[in-house]
Protein backbone atom coordinates (compact mmCIF):
# COMPACT_ATOMS: atom_id res chain seq x y z
CA UNK A 1 0.00 0.00 0.00
CA UNK A 2 1.34 3.44 -0.88
CA UNK A 3 1.36 6.38 1.47
CA UNK A 4 -1.45 8.07 -0.48
CA UNK A 5 -3.56 4.93 -0.42
CA UNK A 6 -3.06 4.66 3.35
CA UNK A 7 -4.30 8.20 3.86
CA UNK A 8 -7.26 7.62 1.54
CA UNK A 9 -8.23 4.44 3.41
CA UNK A 10 -7.93 6.18 6.79
CA UNK A 11 -10.10 9.07 5.70
CA UNK A 12 -12.62 6.80 4.01
CA UNK A 13 -12.96 4.88 7.28
CA UNK A 14 -13.25 8.21 9.18
CA UNK A 15 -10.28 7.38 11.40
CA UNK A 16 -8.20 10.04 13.09
CA UNK A 17 -4.42 9.52 12.97
CA UNK A 18 -4.16 8.82 16.73
CA UNK A 19 -6.89 6.16 16.45
CA UNK A 20 -5.39 4.49 13.39
CA UNK A 21 -1.88 4.55 14.82
CA UNK A 22 -2.93 3.05 18.16
CA UNK A 23 -5.51 0.48 17.08
CA UNK A 24 -4.23 -0.54 13.65
CA UNK A 25 -0.55 0.36 13.48
CA UNK A 26 0.17 -0.36 17.15
CA UNK A 27 2.48 2.65 17.06
CA UNK A 28 2.51 6.39 17.72
CA UNK A 29 0.95 9.14 15.63
CA UNK A 30 4.34 10.39 14.37
CA UNK A 31 5.14 7.02 12.83
CA UNK A 32 1.71 6.92 11.16
CA UNK A 33 2.28 10.43 9.79
CA UNK A 34 5.64 9.26 8.43
CA UNK A 35 3.86 6.42 6.60
CA UNK A 36 1.28 8.79 5.14
CA UNK A 37 3.96 11.29 4.09
CA UNK A 38 5.98 8.56 2.39
CA UNK A 39 8.96 9.06 4.71
CA UNK A 40 8.72 5.41 5.78
CA UNK A 41 7.10 2.58 3.84
CA UNK A 42 3.68 1.41 4.98
CA UNK A 43 4.08 -1.94 6.76
CA UNK A 44 2.35 -4.83 5.06
CA UNK A 45 0.31 -5.66 8.18
CA UNK A 46 -1.09 -2.11 8.21
CA UNK A 47 -2.07 -2.27 4.54
CA UNK A 48 -3.69 -5.66 5.09
CA UNK A 49 -5.60 -4.40 8.13
CA UNK A 50 -6.90 -1.36 6.24
CA UNK A 51 -8.01 -3.52 3.30
CA UNK A 52 -9.74 -5.92 5.71
CA UNK A 53 -11.61 -3.01 7.33
CA UNK A 54 -12.69 -1.74 3.91
CA UNK A 55 -13.96 -5.22 3.01
CA UNK A 56 -15.83 -5.47 6.31
CA UNK A 57 -17.35 -2.05 5.65
CA UNK A 58 -18.39 -3.03 2.11
CA UNK A 59 -19.92 -6.27 3.38
CA UNK A 60 -21.90 -4.41 6.06
CA UNK A 61 -23.13 -1.79 3.58
CA UNK A 62 -24.29 -4.53 1.21
CA UNK A 63 -26.11 -6.37 4.01
CA UNK A 64 -27.95 -3.19 4.97
CA UNK A 65 -28.81 -2.33 1.35
CA UNK A 66 -30.09 -5.85 0.71
CA UNK A 67 -32.28 -5.70 3.82
CA UNK A 68 -33.82 -2.28 3.13
CA UNK A 69 -36.60 -3.65 0.94
CA UNK A 70 -37.59 -6.15 3.64
CA UNK A 71 -38.01 -3.53 6.35
CA UNK A 72 -41.25 -2.26 7.73
CA UNK A 73 -41.31 1.41 8.66
CA UNK A 74 -38.73 4.12 8.16
CA UNK A 75 -35.13 3.51 7.22
CA UNK A 76 -32.97 5.12 9.87
CA UNK A 77 -29.48 4.48 11.12
CA UNK A 78 -28.09 5.81 14.35
CA UNK A 79 -25.25 8.31 14.09
CA UNK A 80 -23.24 8.56 17.29
CA UNK A 81 -21.59 11.94 17.76
CA UNK A 82 -19.13 10.59 20.32
CA UNK A 83 -17.46 7.29 21.10
CA UNK A 84 -19.00 7.48 24.58
CA UNK A 85 -22.52 7.51 23.08
CA UNK A 86 -21.61 4.53 20.89
CA UNK A 87 -20.21 2.60 23.89
CA UNK A 88 -23.48 3.00 25.81
CA UNK A 89 -25.27 1.04 23.08
CA UNK A 90 -22.33 -1.18 22.04
CA UNK A 91 -20.25 -1.78 25.18
CA UNK A 92 -18.16 -4.57 23.64
CA UNK A 93 -17.04 -2.63 20.56
CA UNK A 94 -13.98 -0.42 20.19
CA UNK A 95 -13.24 2.93 18.56
CA UNK A 96 -12.47 1.29 15.21
CA UNK A 97 -15.95 -0.26 15.13
CA UNK A 98 -17.44 3.15 16.04
CA UNK A 99 -15.63 4.85 13.17
CA UNK A 100 -16.62 2.04 10.82
CA UNK A 101 -20.26 2.48 11.84
CA UNK A 102 -20.07 6.25 11.30
CA UNK A 103 -18.54 5.74 7.86
CA UNK A 104 -21.31 3.30 6.90
CA UNK A 105 -24.04 5.57 8.26
CA UNK A 106 -22.65 8.51 6.30
CA UNK A 107 -22.54 6.57 3.03
CA UNK A 108 -26.06 5.24 3.42
CA UNK A 109 -27.33 8.72 4.24
CA UNK A 110 -25.69 10.28 1.20
CA UNK A 111 -27.02 7.50 -1.03
CA UNK A 112 -30.48 8.46 0.17
CA UNK A 113 -31.05 5.02 1.66
CA UNK A 114 -31.12 5.87 5.35
CA UNK A 115 -32.00 8.84 7.52
CA UNK A 116 -29.69 9.65 10.41
CA UNK A 117 -31.07 9.58 13.91
């Protein structure tokens, strides 16, 4: 994965550098910035983890889209403004899962498939 691809993946997944560096890179924010700037090569495990998260996101979006026609009532998806709000509803999930959820909710909203609540 190139430095530009890493940054694109991180932004697509709505991750902040400190979150990505801690939870995915298992490193500090400076090192992550060095990867994104092309100063240091992106480790293979980081590229693989980002691709796996994108696949998980795509799979979840497809599941939701496929289920929309089977729903009764309005199509809404919860948008959590803070990680703390997300944890109240999903106590076993981490910040990466929160960001993934936010990214999915945003895409579905902008596709006109879900309303945010």
